[in-house]
Amino acid sequence: MADLREKSTLPELLAGLACFMAFETGAFYLLSFVTSGLGEANQYQPENTIVSNWVKTVTFLVLHLVLVIAAVLVLSNKLPRRYRGQLVGWLLLSLVVGFGLLLPLFT
């Protein structure tokens, strides 16, 4: 008989969501600290250019992508097989959330 994978139960999905939220919160505060010296603090000044804020945006996104890929590589080796199916979904959600984190980064 074929080897069927078990679906994740609701408590397992909620545990994954809690870990995802903790990772994204920690990543945001770490990356906002790392990129704090880049960009303009006052977004509405007349001589403000897009270049310095663009550097901060790209740096934040690239470092976020590095953290996410590193976390996926580590977790794919450490998690038991039955929980690895959740990993791709959390990875894709994290890529979308990375762009959403730009809004609080510049406020």
PDB file of N, CA and C in Angstrom:
ATOM      1  N   MET A   1       0.834  -1.174   0.000  1.00  0.00           N
ATOM      2  CA  MET A   1       0.000   0.000   0.000  1.00  0.00           C
ATOM      3  C   MET A   1       0.879   1.237   0.000  1.00  0.00           C
ATOM      4  N   ALA A   2       0.395   2.285  -0.618  1.00  0.00           N
ATOM      5  CA  ALA A   2       1.166   3.522  -0.729  1.00  0.00           C
ATOM      6  C   ALA A   2       1.311   4.189   0.637  1.00  0.00           C
ATOM      7  N   ASP A   3       2.418   4.849   0.788  1.00  0.00           N
ATOM      8  CA  ASP A   3       2.673   5.565   2.032  1.00  0.00           C
ATOM      9  C   ASP A   3       1.923   6.896   1.992  1.00  0.00           C
ATOM     10  N   LEU A   4       0.891   7.020   2.806  1.00  0.00           N
ATOM     11  CA  LEU A   4       0.087   8.233   2.825  1.00  0.00           C
ATOM     12  C   LEU A   4       0.569   9.152   3.939  1.00  0.00           C
ATOM     13  N   ARG A   5       0.637  10.408   3.614  1.00  0.00           N
ATOM     14  CA  ARG A   5       1.038  11.384   4.619  1.00  0.00           C
ATOM     15  C   ARG A   5      -0.162  11.797   5.440  1.00  0.00           C
ATOM     16  N   GLU A   6       0.090  11.984   6.712  1.00  0.00           N
ATOM     17  CA  GLU A   6      -0.968  12.453   7.586  1.00  0.00           C
ATOM     18  C   GLU A   6      -1.097  13.969   7.442  1.00  0.00           C
ATOM     19  N   LYS A   7      -2.323  14.447   7.458  1.00  0.00           N
ATOM     20  CA  LYS A   7      -2.567  15.882   7.413  1.00  0.00           C
ATOM     21  C   LYS A   7      -2.281  16.473   8.791  1.00  0.00           C
ATOM     22  N   SER A   8      -1.864  17.715   8.795  1.00  0.00           N
ATOM     23  CA  SER A   8      -1.620  18.401  10.062  1.00  0.00           C
ATOM     24  C   SER A   8      -2.941  18.710  10.741  1.00  0.00           C
ATOM     25  N   THR A   9      -2.970  18.523  12.037  1.00  0.00           N
ATOM     26  CA  THR A   9      -4.180  18.810  12.794  1.00  0.00           C
ATOM     27  C   THR A   9      -4.204  20.300  13.144  1.00  0.00           C
ATOM     28  N   LEU A  10      -5.327  20.743  13.664  1.00  0.00           N
ATOM     29  CA  LEU A  10      -5.482  22.156  14.015  1.00  0.00           C
ATOM     30  C   LEU A  10      -4.470  22.615  15.070  1.00  0.00           C
ATOM     31  N   PRO A  11      -4.232  21.871  16.133  1.00  0.00           N
ATOM     32  CA  PRO A  11      -3.205  22.326  17.092  1.00  0.00           C
ATOM     33  C   PRO A  11      -1.806  22.419  16.471  1.00  0.00           C
ATOM     34  N   GLU A  12      -1.496  21.521  15.536  1.00  0.00           N
ATOM     35  CA  GLU A  12      -0.193  21.591  14.871  1.00  0.00           C
ATOM     36  C   GLU A  12      -0.098  22.825  13.983  1.00  0.00           C
ATOM     37  N   LEU A  13      -1.185  23.153  13.294  1.00  0.00           N
ATOM     38  CA  LEU A  13      -1.193  24.353  12.462  1.00  0.00           C
ATOM     39  C   LEU A  13      -1.108  25.617  13.318  1.00  0.00           C
ATOM     40  N   LEU A  14      -1.781  25.618  14.452  1.00  0.00           N
ATOM     41  CA  LEU A  14      -1.712  26.771  15.343  1.00  0.00           C
ATOM     42  C   LEU A  14      -0.316  26.927  15.944  1.00  0.00           C
ATOM     43  N   ALA A  15       0.338  25.820  16.235  1.00  0.00           N
ATOM     44  CA  ALA A  15       1.719  25.886  16.725  1.00  0.00           C
ATOM     45  C   ALA A  15       2.633  26.433  15.631  1.00  0.00           C
ATOM     46  N   GLY A  16       2.409  26.012  14.387  1.00  0.00           N
ATOM     47  CA  GLY A  16       3.173  26.552  13.270  1.00  0.00           C
ATOM     48  C   GLY A  16       2.936  28.036  13.083  1.00  0.00           C
ATOM     49  N   LEU A  17       1.681  28.467  13.251  1.00  0.00           N
ATOM     50  CA  LEU A  17       1.363  29.892  13.141  1.00  0.00           C
ATOM     51  C   LEU A  17       2.037  30.695  14.237  1.00  0.00           C
ATOM     52  N   ALA A  18       2.049  30.164  15.451  1.00  0.00           N
ATOM     53  CA  ALA A  18       2.708  30.863  16.556  1.00  0.00           C
ATOM     54  C   ALA A  18       4.208  30.993  16.305  1.00  0.00           C
ATOM     55  N   CYS A  19       4.821  29.928  15.815  1.00  0.00           N
ATOM     56  CA  CYS A  19       6.255  29.991  15.496  1.00  0.00           C
ATOM     57  C   CYS A  19       6.524  30.958  14.351  1.00  0.00           C
ATOM     58  N   PHE A  20       5.628  30.973  13.362  1.00  0.00           N
ATOM     59  CA  PHE A  20       5.767  31.887  12.235  1.00  0.00           C
ATOM     60  C   PHE A  20       5.681  33.340  12.705  1.00  0.00           C
ATOM     61  N   MET A  21       4.712  33.630  13.564  1.00  0.00           N
ATOM     62  CA  MET A  21       4.547  34.996  14.070  1.00  0.00           C
ATOM     63  C   MET A  21       5.767  35.410  14.903  1.00  0.00           C
ATOM     64  N   ALA A  22       6.278  34.499  15.714  1.00  0.00           N
ATOM     65  CA  ALA A  22       7.463  34.810  16.517  1.00  0.00           C
ATOM     66  C   ALA A  22       8.672  35.065  15.619  1.00  0.00           C
ATOM     67  N   PHE A  23       8.829  34.252  14.569  1.00  0.00           N
ATOM     68  CA  PHE A  23       9.955  34.439  13.646  1.00  0.00           C
ATOM     69  C   PHE A  23       9.851  35.782  12.930  1.00  0.00           C
ATOM     70  N   GLU A  24       8.673  36.105  12.407  1.00  0.00           N
ATOM     71  CA  GLU A  24       8.515  37.349  11.658  1.00  0.00           C
ATOM     72  C   GLU A  24       8.678  38.569  12.564  1.00  0.00           C
ATOM     73  N   THR A  25       8.205  38.491  13.792  1.00  0.00           N
ATOM     74  CA  THR A  25       8.374  39.608  14.723  1.00  0.00           C
ATOM     75  C   THR A  25       9.846  39.806  15.057  1.00  0.00           C
ATOM     76  N   GLY A  26      10.531  38.717  15.365  1.00  0.00           N
ATOM     77  CA  GLY A  26      11.960  38.813  15.649  1.00  0.00           C
ATOM     78  C   GLY A  26      12.759  39.294  14.455  1.00  0.00           C
ATOM     79  N   ALA A  27      12.409  38.804  13.273  1.00  0.00           N
ATOM     80  CA  ALA A  27      13.113  39.220  12.057  1.00  0.00           C
ATOM     81  C   ALA A  27      12.890  40.704  11.790  1.00  0.00           C
ATOM     82  N   PHE A  28      11.664  41.181  12.001  1.00  0.00           N
ATOM     83  CA  PHE A  28      11.388  42.596  11.757  1.00  0.00           C
ATOM     84  C   PHE A  28      12.204  43.487  12.680  1.00  0.00           C
ATOM     85  N   TYR A  29      12.200  43.180  13.976  1.00  0.00           N
ATOM     86  CA  TYR A  29      12.943  44.030  14.907  1.00  0.00           C
ATOM     87  C   TYR A  29      14.448  43.941  14.676  1.00  0.00           C
ATOM     88  N   LEU A  30      14.949  42.777  14.337  1.00  0.00           N
ATOM     89  CA  LEU A  30      16.371  42.639  14.030  1.00  0.00           C
ATOM     90  C   LEU A  30      16.733  43.432  12.782  1.00  0.00           C
ATOM     91  N   LEU A  31      15.945  43.283  11.725  1.00  0.00           N
ATOM     92  CA  LEU A  31      16.266  43.973  10.473  1.00  0.00           C
ATOM     93  C   LEU A  31      16.007  45.468  10.551  1.00  0.00           C
ATOM     94  N   SER A  32      15.040  45.894  11.331  1.00  0.00           N
ATOM     95  CA  SER A  32      14.841  47.338  11.490  1.00  0.00           C
ATOM     96  C   SER A  32      16.001  47.959  12.267  1.00  0.00           C
ATOM     97  N   PHE A  33      16.585  47.193  13.206  1.00  0.00           N
ATOM     98  CA  PHE A  33      17.769  47.675  13.903  1.00  0.00           C
ATOM     99  C   PHE A  33      18.972  47.738  12.962  1.00  0.00           C
ATOM    100  N   VAL A  34      19.127  46.702  12.134  1.00  0.00           N
ATOM    101  CA  VAL A  34      20.271  46.652  11.212  1.00  0.00           C
ATOM    102  C   VAL A  34      20.179  47.765  10.171  1.00  0.00           C
ATOM    103  N   THR A  35      18.985  48.049   9.687  1.00  0.00           N
ATOM    104  CA  THR A  35      18.822  49.060   8.640  1.00  0.00           C
ATOM    105  C   THR A  35      18.445  50.432   9.197  1.00  0.00           C
ATOM    106  N   SER A  36      18.582  50.649  10.499  1.00  0.00           N
ATOM    107  CA  SER A  36      18.150  51.922  11.090  1.00  0.00           C
ATOM    108  C   SER A  36      18.974  53.108  10.604  1.00  0.00           C
ATOM    109  N   GLY A  37      20.207  52.907  10.242  1.00  0.00           N
ATOM    110  CA  GLY A  37      21.044  54.009   9.775  1.00  0.00           C
ATOM    111  C   GLY A  37      20.816  54.378   8.323  1.00  0.00           C
ATOM    112  N   LEU A  38      20.055  53.604   7.604  1.00  0.00           N
ATOM    113  CA  LEU A  38      19.806  53.874   6.190  1.00  0.00           C
ATOM    114  C   LEU A  38      18.505  54.642   6.021  1.00  0.00           C
ATOM    115  N   GLY A  39      18.400  55.395   4.942  1.00  0.00           N
ATOM    116  CA  GLY A  39      17.155  56.089   4.635  1.00  0.00           C
ATOM    117  C   GLY A  39      16.998  57.392   5.383  1.00  0.00           C
ATOM    118  N   GLU A  40      15.949  58.106   5.031  1.00  0.00           N
ATOM    119  CA  GLU A  40      15.635  59.385   5.650  1.00  0.00           C
ATOM    120  C   GLU A  40      14.565  59.197   6.720  1.00  0.00           C
ATOM    121  N   ALA A  41      14.770  59.814   7.867  1.00  0.00           N
ATOM    122  CA  ALA A  41      13.781  59.714   8.929  1.00  0.00           C
ATOM    123  C   ALA A  41      12.539  60.543   8.599  1.00  0.00           C
ATOM    124  N   ASN A  42      12.744  61.718   8.008  1.00  0.00           N
ATOM    125  CA  ASN A  42      11.635  62.589   7.645  1.00  0.00           C
ATOM    126  C   ASN A  42      11.313  62.359   6.171  1.00  0.00           C
ATOM    127  N   GLN A  43      10.217  61.696   5.903  1.00  0.00           N
ATOM    128  CA  GLN A  43       9.873  61.341   4.529  1.00  0.00           C
ATOM    129  C   GLN A  43       9.324  62.514   3.731  1.00  0.00           C
ATOM    130  N   TYR A  44       8.930  63.573   4.383  1.00  0.00           N
ATOM    131  CA  TYR A  44       8.217  64.649   3.697  1.00  0.00           C
ATOM    132  C   TYR A  44       9.030  65.927   3.585  1.00  0.00           C
ATOM    133  N   GLN A  45      10.340  65.850   3.629  1.00  0.00           N
ATOM    134  CA  GLN A  45      11.159  67.039   3.462  1.00  0.00           C
ATOM    135  C   GLN A  45      11.364  67.305   1.972  1.00  0.00           C
ATOM    136  N   PRO A  46      11.571  68.570   1.579  1.00  0.00           N
ATOM    137  CA  PRO A  46      11.643  68.896   0.156  1.00  0.00           C
ATOM    138  C   PRO A  46      12.826  68.261  -0.574  1.00  0.00           C
ATOM    139  N   GLU A  47      13.963  68.108   0.078  1.00  0.00           N
ATOM    140  CA  GLU A  47      15.144  67.563  -0.604  1.00  0.00           C
ATOM    141  C   GLU A  47      15.255  66.044  -0.479  1.00  0.00           C
ATOM    142  N   ASN A  48      14.188  65.396  -0.045  1.00  0.00           N
ATOM    143  CA  ASN A  48      14.198  63.944   0.112  1.00  0.00           C
ATOM    144  C   ASN A  48      14.243  63.273  -1.265  1.00  0.00           C
ATOM    145  N   THR A  49      15.148  62.340  -1.416  1.00  0.00           N
ATOM    146  CA  THR A  49      15.233  61.589  -2.671  1.00  0.00           C
ATOM    147  C   THR A  49      14.854  60.148  -2.417  1.00  0.00           C
ATOM    148  N   ILE A  50      14.553  59.456  -3.490  1.00  0.00           N
ATOM    149  CA  ILE A  50      14.133  58.067  -3.371  1.00  0.00           C
ATOM    150  C   ILE A  50      15.325  57.132  -3.168  1.00  0.00           C
ATOM    151  N   VAL A  51      16.535  57.616  -3.488  1.00  0.00           N
ATOM    152  CA  VAL A  51      17.696  56.727  -3.500  1.00  0.00           C
ATOM    153  C   VAL A  51      18.005  56.160  -2.124  1.00  0.00           C
ATOM    154  N   SER A  52      18.055  56.993  -1.107  1.00  0.00           N
ATOM    155  CA  SER A  52      18.427  56.473   0.223  1.00  0.00           C
ATOM    156  C   SER A  52      17.348  55.548   0.771  1.00  0.00           C
ATOM    157  N   ASN A  53      16.095  55.860   0.504  1.00  0.00           N
ATOM    158  CA  ASN A  53      15.029  54.972   0.964  1.00  0.00           C
ATOM    159  C   ASN A  53      14.988  53.691   0.136  1.00  0.00           C
ATOM    160  N   TRP A  54      15.375  53.771  -1.115  1.00  0.00           N
ATOM    161  CA  TRP A  54      15.437  52.585  -1.954  1.00  0.00           C
ATOM    162  C   TRP A  54      16.504  51.630  -1.437  1.00  0.00           C
ATOM    163  N   VAL A  55      17.629  52.169  -1.011  1.00  0.00           N
ATOM    164  CA  VAL A  55      18.702  51.337  -0.454  1.00  0.00           C
ATOM    165  C   VAL A  55      18.213  50.625   0.800  1.00  0.00           C
ATOM    166  N   LYS A  56      17.494  51.329   1.661  1.00  0.00           N
ATOM    167  CA  LYS A  56      16.967  50.715   2.876  1.00  0.00           C
ATOM    168  C   LYS A  56      15.956  49.628   2.542  1.00  0.00           C
ATOM    169  N   THR A  57      15.102  49.874   1.558  1.00  0.00           N
ATOM    170  CA  THR A  57      14.091  48.897   1.156  1.00  0.00           C
ATOM    171  C   THR A  57      14.732  47.631   0.608  1.00  0.00           C
ATOM    172  N   VAL A  58      15.663  47.786  -0.307  1.00  0.00           N
ATOM    173  CA  VAL A  58      16.310  46.619  -0.922  1.00  0.00           C
ATOM    174  C   VAL A  58      17.135  45.855   0.111  1.00  0.00           C
ATOM    175  N   THR A  59      17.831  46.567   0.976  1.00  0.00           N
ATOM    176  CA  THR A  59      18.613  45.907   2.020  1.00  0.00           C
ATOM    177  C   THR A  59      17.709  45.107   2.949  1.00  0.00           C
ATOM    178  N   PHE A  60      16.585  45.691   3.341  1.00  0.00           N
ATOM    179  CA  PHE A  60      15.648  44.994   4.210  1.00  0.00           C
ATOM    180  C   PHE A  60      15.115  43.741   3.528  1.00  0.00           C
ATOM    181  N   LEU A  61      14.705  43.851   2.269  1.00  0.00           N
ATOM    182  CA  LEU A  61      14.133  42.694   1.575  1.00  0.00           C
ATOM    183  C   LEU A  61      15.155  41.590   1.353  1.00  0.00           C
ATOM    184  N   VAL A  62      16.372  41.955   1.002  1.00  0.00           N
ATOM    185  CA  VAL A  62      17.404  40.937   0.765  1.00  0.00           C
ATOM    186  C   VAL A  62      17.775  40.235   2.072  1.00  0.00           C
ATOM    187  N   LEU A  63      17.934  40.996   3.147  1.00  0.00           N
ATOM    188  CA  LEU A  63      18.263  40.371   4.425  1.00  0.00           C
ATOM    189  C   LEU A  63      17.107  39.517   4.952  1.00  0.00           C
ATOM    190  N   HIS A  64      15.875  39.952   4.706  1.00  0.00           N
ATOM    191  CA  HIS A  64      14.711  39.147   5.100  1.00  0.00           C
ATOM    192  C   HIS A  64      14.696  37.839   4.316  1.00  0.00           C
ATOM    193  N   LEU A  65      14.998  37.909   3.038  1.00  0.00           N
ATOM    194  CA  LEU A  65      15.048  36.699   2.215  1.00  0.00           C
ATOM    195  C   LEU A  65      16.148  35.755   2.696  1.00  0.00           C
ATOM    196  N   VAL A  66      17.282  36.296   3.088  1.00  0.00           N
ATOM    197  CA  VAL A  66      18.375  35.465   3.605  1.00  0.00           C
ATOM    198  C   VAL A  66      17.954  34.776   4.901  1.00  0.00           C
ATOM    199  N   LEU A  67      17.301  35.522   5.798  1.00  0.00           N
ATOM    200  CA  LEU A  67      16.834  34.909   7.049  1.00  0.00           C
ATOM    201  C   LEU A  67      15.813  33.809   6.797  1.00  0.00           C
ATOM    202  N   VAL A  68      14.894  34.047   5.871  1.00  0.00           N
ATOM    203  CA  VAL A  68      13.856  33.057   5.579  1.00  0.00           C
ATOM    204  C   VAL A  68      14.460  31.798   4.979  1.00  0.00           C
ATOM    205  N   ILE A  69      15.361  31.959   4.026  1.00  0.00           N
ATOM    206  CA  ILE A  69      15.981  30.786   3.395  1.00  0.00           C
ATOM    207  C   ILE A  69      16.831  30.018   4.405  1.00  0.00           C
ATOM    208  N   ALA A  70      17.549  30.731   5.269  1.00  0.00           N
ATOM    209  CA  ALA A  70      18.337  30.049   6.297  1.00  0.00           C
ATOM    210  C   ALA A  70      17.433  29.284   7.258  1.00  0.00           C
ATOM    211  N   ALA A  71      16.303  29.889   7.631  1.00  0.00           N
ATOM    212  CA  ALA A  71      15.375  29.204   8.536  1.00  0.00           C
ATOM    213  C   ALA A  71      14.776  27.971   7.882  1.00  0.00           C
ATOM    214  N   VAL A  72      14.447  28.064   6.596  1.00  0.00           N
ATOM    215  CA  VAL A  72      13.885  26.907   5.889  1.00  0.00           C
ATOM    216  C   VAL A  72      14.914  25.788   5.793  1.00  0.00           C
ATOM    217  N   LEU A  73      16.156  26.133   5.504  1.00  0.00           N
ATOM    218  CA  LEU A  73      17.198  25.102   5.406  1.00  0.00           C
ATOM    219  C   LEU A  73      17.426  24.407   6.744  1.00  0.00           C
ATOM    220  N   VAL A  74      17.441  25.170   7.819  1.00  0.00           N
ATOM    221  CA  VAL A  74      17.650  24.568   9.134  1.00  0.00           C
ATOM    222  C   VAL A  74      16.446  23.724   9.538  1.00  0.00           C
ATOM    223  N   LEU A  75      15.246  24.286   9.352  1.00  0.00           N
ATOM    224  CA  LEU A  75      14.041  23.564   9.775  1.00  0.00           C
ATOM    225  C   LEU A  75      13.776  22.321   8.939  1.00  0.00           C
ATOM    226  N   SER A  76      14.123  22.357   7.662  1.00  0.00           N
ATOM    227  CA  SER A  76      13.869  21.175   6.837  1.00  0.00           C
ATOM    228  C   SER A  76      14.726  19.993   7.277  1.00  0.00           C
ATOM    229  N   ASN A  77      15.826  20.265   7.941  1.00  0.00           N
ATOM    230  CA  ASN A  77      16.656  19.176   8.470  1.00  0.00           C
ATOM    231  C   ASN A  77      16.263  18.770   9.885  1.00  0.00           C
ATOM    232  N   LYS A  78      15.710  19.693  10.656  1.00  0.00           N
ATOM    233  CA  LYS A  78      15.440  19.428  12.067  1.00  0.00           C
ATOM    234  C   LYS A  78      14.022  18.930  12.345  1.00  0.00           C
ATOM    235  N   LEU A  79      13.057  19.330  11.527  1.00  0.00           N
ATOM    236  CA  LEU A  79      11.669  18.944  11.792  1.00  0.00           C
ATOM    237  C   LEU A  79      11.414  17.488  11.441  1.00  0.00           C
ATOM    238  N   PRO A  80      10.547  16.833  12.179  1.00  0.00           N
ATOM    239  CA  PRO A  80      10.123  15.495  11.771  1.00  0.00           C
ATOM    240  C   PRO A  80       9.386  15.552  10.428  1.00  0.00           C
ATOM    241  N   ARG A  81       9.379  14.455   9.722  1.00  0.00           N
ATOM    242  CA  ARG A  81       8.843  14.408   8.367  1.00  0.00           C
ATOM    243  C   ARG A  81       7.386  14.848   8.285  1.00  0.00           C
ATOM    244  N   ARG A  82       6.592  14.538   9.274  1.00  0.00           N
ATOM    245  CA  ARG A  82       5.164  14.847   9.171  1.00  0.00           C
ATOM    246  C   ARG A  82       4.883  16.337   9.259  1.00  0.00           C
ATOM    247  N   TYR A  83       5.827  17.148   9.766  1.00  0.00           N
ATOM    248  CA  TYR A  83       5.615  18.592   9.863  1.00  0.00           C
ATOM    249  C   TYR A  83       6.256  19.357   8.712  1.00  0.00           C
ATOM    250  N   ARG A  84       7.031  18.702   7.890  1.00  0.00           N
ATOM    251  CA  ARG A  84       7.712  19.396   6.802  1.00  0.00           C
ATOM    252  C   ARG A  84       6.766  19.890   5.722  1.00  0.00           C
ATOM    253  N   GLY A  85       5.588  19.303   5.638  1.00  0.00           N
ATOM    254  CA  GLY A  85       4.614  19.755   4.644  1.00  0.00           C
ATOM    255  C   GLY A  85       4.141  21.180   4.900  1.00  0.00           C
ATOM    256  N   GLN A  86       4.152  21.604   6.147  1.00  0.00           N
ATOM    257  CA  GLN A  86       3.758  22.968   6.476  1.00  0.00           C
ATOM    258  C   GLN A  86       4.807  23.991   6.062  1.00  0.00           C
ATOM    259  N   LEU A  87       6.030  23.548   5.920  1.00  0.00           N
ATOM    260  CA  LEU A  87       7.147  24.464   5.732  1.00  0.00           C
ATOM    261  C   LEU A  87       7.028  25.283   4.454  1.00  0.00           C
ATOM    262  N   VAL A  88       6.569  24.683   3.373  1.00  0.00           N
ATOM    263  CA  VAL A  88       6.454  25.407   2.109  1.00  0.00           C
ATOM    264  C   VAL A  88       5.386  26.494   2.204  1.00  0.00           C
ATOM    265  N   GLY A  89       4.286  26.202   2.854  1.00  0.00           N
ATOM    266  CA  GLY A  89       3.244  27.209   3.029  1.00  0.00           C
ATOM    267  C   GLY A  89       3.712  28.391   3.855  1.00  0.00           C
ATOM    268  N   TRP A  90       4.441  28.111   4.932  1.00  0.00           N
ATOM    269  CA  TRP A  90       4.949  29.204   5.754  1.00  0.00           C
ATOM    270  C   TRP A  90       6.020  29.988   5.003  1.00  0.00           C
ATOM    271  N   LEU A  91       6.803  29.316   4.157  1.00  0.00           N
ATOM    272  CA  LEU A  91       7.811  30.000   3.350  1.00  0.00           C
ATOM    273  C   LEU A  91       7.150  30.987   2.392  1.00  0.00           C
ATOM    274  N   LEU A  92       6.131  30.546   1.681  1.00  0.00           N
ATOM    275  CA  LEU A  92       5.462  31.424   0.727  1.00  0.00           C
ATOM    276  C   LEU A  92       4.773  32.583   1.440  1.00  0.00           C
ATOM    277  N   LEU A  93       4.169  32.311   2.571  1.00  0.00           N
ATOM    278  CA  LEU A  93       3.539  33.391   3.332  1.00  0.00           C
ATOM    279  C   LEU A  93       4.582  34.387   3.830  1.00  0.00           C
ATOM    280  N   SER A  94       5.745  33.908   4.207  1.00  0.00           N
ATOM    281  CA  SER A  94       6.803  34.780   4.691  1.00  0.00           C
ATOM    282  C   SER A  94       7.328  35.692   3.590  1.00  0.00           C
ATOM    283  N   LEU A  95       7.361  35.208   2.363  1.00  0.00           N
ATOM    284  CA  LEU A  95       7.803  36.053   1.247  1.00  0.00           C
ATOM    285  C   LEU A  95       6.822  37.197   1.016  1.00  0.00           C
ATOM    286  N   VAL A  96       5.541  36.930   1.158  1.00  0.00           N
ATOM    287  CA  VAL A  96       4.534  37.979   1.007  1.00  0.00           C
ATOM    288  C   VAL A  96       4.584  38.948   2.185  1.00  0.00           C
ATOM    289  N   VAL A  97       4.741  38.417   3.384  1.00  0.00           N
ATOM    290  CA  VAL A  97       4.783  39.254   4.587  1.00  0.00           C
ATOM    291  C   VAL A  97       5.999  40.173   4.563  1.00  0.00           C
ATOM    292  N   GLY A  98       7.095  39.747   3.942  1.00  0.00           N
ATOM    293  CA  GLY A  98       8.290  40.583   3.849  1.00  0.00           C
ATOM    294  C   GLY A  98       7.998  41.921   3.190  1.00  0.00           C
ATOM    295  N   PHE A  99       7.155  41.915   2.153  1.00  0.00           N
ATOM    296  CA  PHE A  99       6.779  43.174   1.516  1.00  0.00           C
ATOM    297  C   PHE A  99       5.839  43.982   2.394  1.00  0.00           C
ATOM    298  N   GLY A 100       4.978  43.313   3.127  1.00  0.00           N
ATOM    299  CA  GLY A 100       4.080  44.010   4.039  1.00  0.00           C
ATOM    300  C   GLY A 100       4.809  44.650   5.209  1.00  0.00           C
ATOM    301  N   LEU A 101       5.959  44.101   5.578  1.00  0.00           N
ATOM    302  CA  LEU A 101       6.730  44.667   6.687  1.00  0.00           C
ATOM    303  C   LEU A 101       7.403  45.982   6.312  1.00  0.00           C
ATOM    304  N   LEU A 102       7.412  46.318   5.030  1.00  0.00           N
ATOM    305  CA  LEU A 102       7.989  47.605   4.631  1.00  0.00           C
ATOM    306  C   LEU A 102       7.141  48.781   5.126  1.00  0.00           C
ATOM    307  N   LEU A 103       5.837  48.564   5.262  1.00  0.00           N
ATOM    308  CA  LEU A 103       4.973  49.660   5.720  1.00  0.00           C
ATOM    309  C   LEU A 103       5.324  50.103   7.142  1.00  0.00           C
ATOM    310  N   PRO A 104       5.398  49.195   8.129  1.00  0.00           N
ATOM    311  CA  PRO A 104       5.796  49.687   9.465  1.00  0.00           C
ATOM    312  C   PRO A 104       7.261  50.090   9.540  1.00  0.00           C
ATOM    313  N   LEU A 105       8.086  49.632   8.598  1.00  0.00           N
ATOM    314  CA  LEU A 105       9.494  49.998   8.623  1.00  0.00           C
ATOM    315  C   LEU A 105       9.686  51.486   8.368  1.00  0.00           C
ATOM    316  N   PHE A 106       8.857  52.066   7.520  1.00  0.00           N
ATOM    317  CA  PHE A 106       9.006  53.475   7.161  1.00  0.00           C
ATOM    318  C   PHE A 106       8.075  54.403   7.916  1.00  0.00           C
ATOM    319  N   THR A 107       7.325  53.875   8.889  1.00  0.00           N
ATOM    320  CA  THR A 107       6.445  54.769   9.652  1.00  0.00           C
ATOM    321  C   THR A 107       7.064  55.143  10.970  1.00  0.00           C
TER     322      THR A 107
END
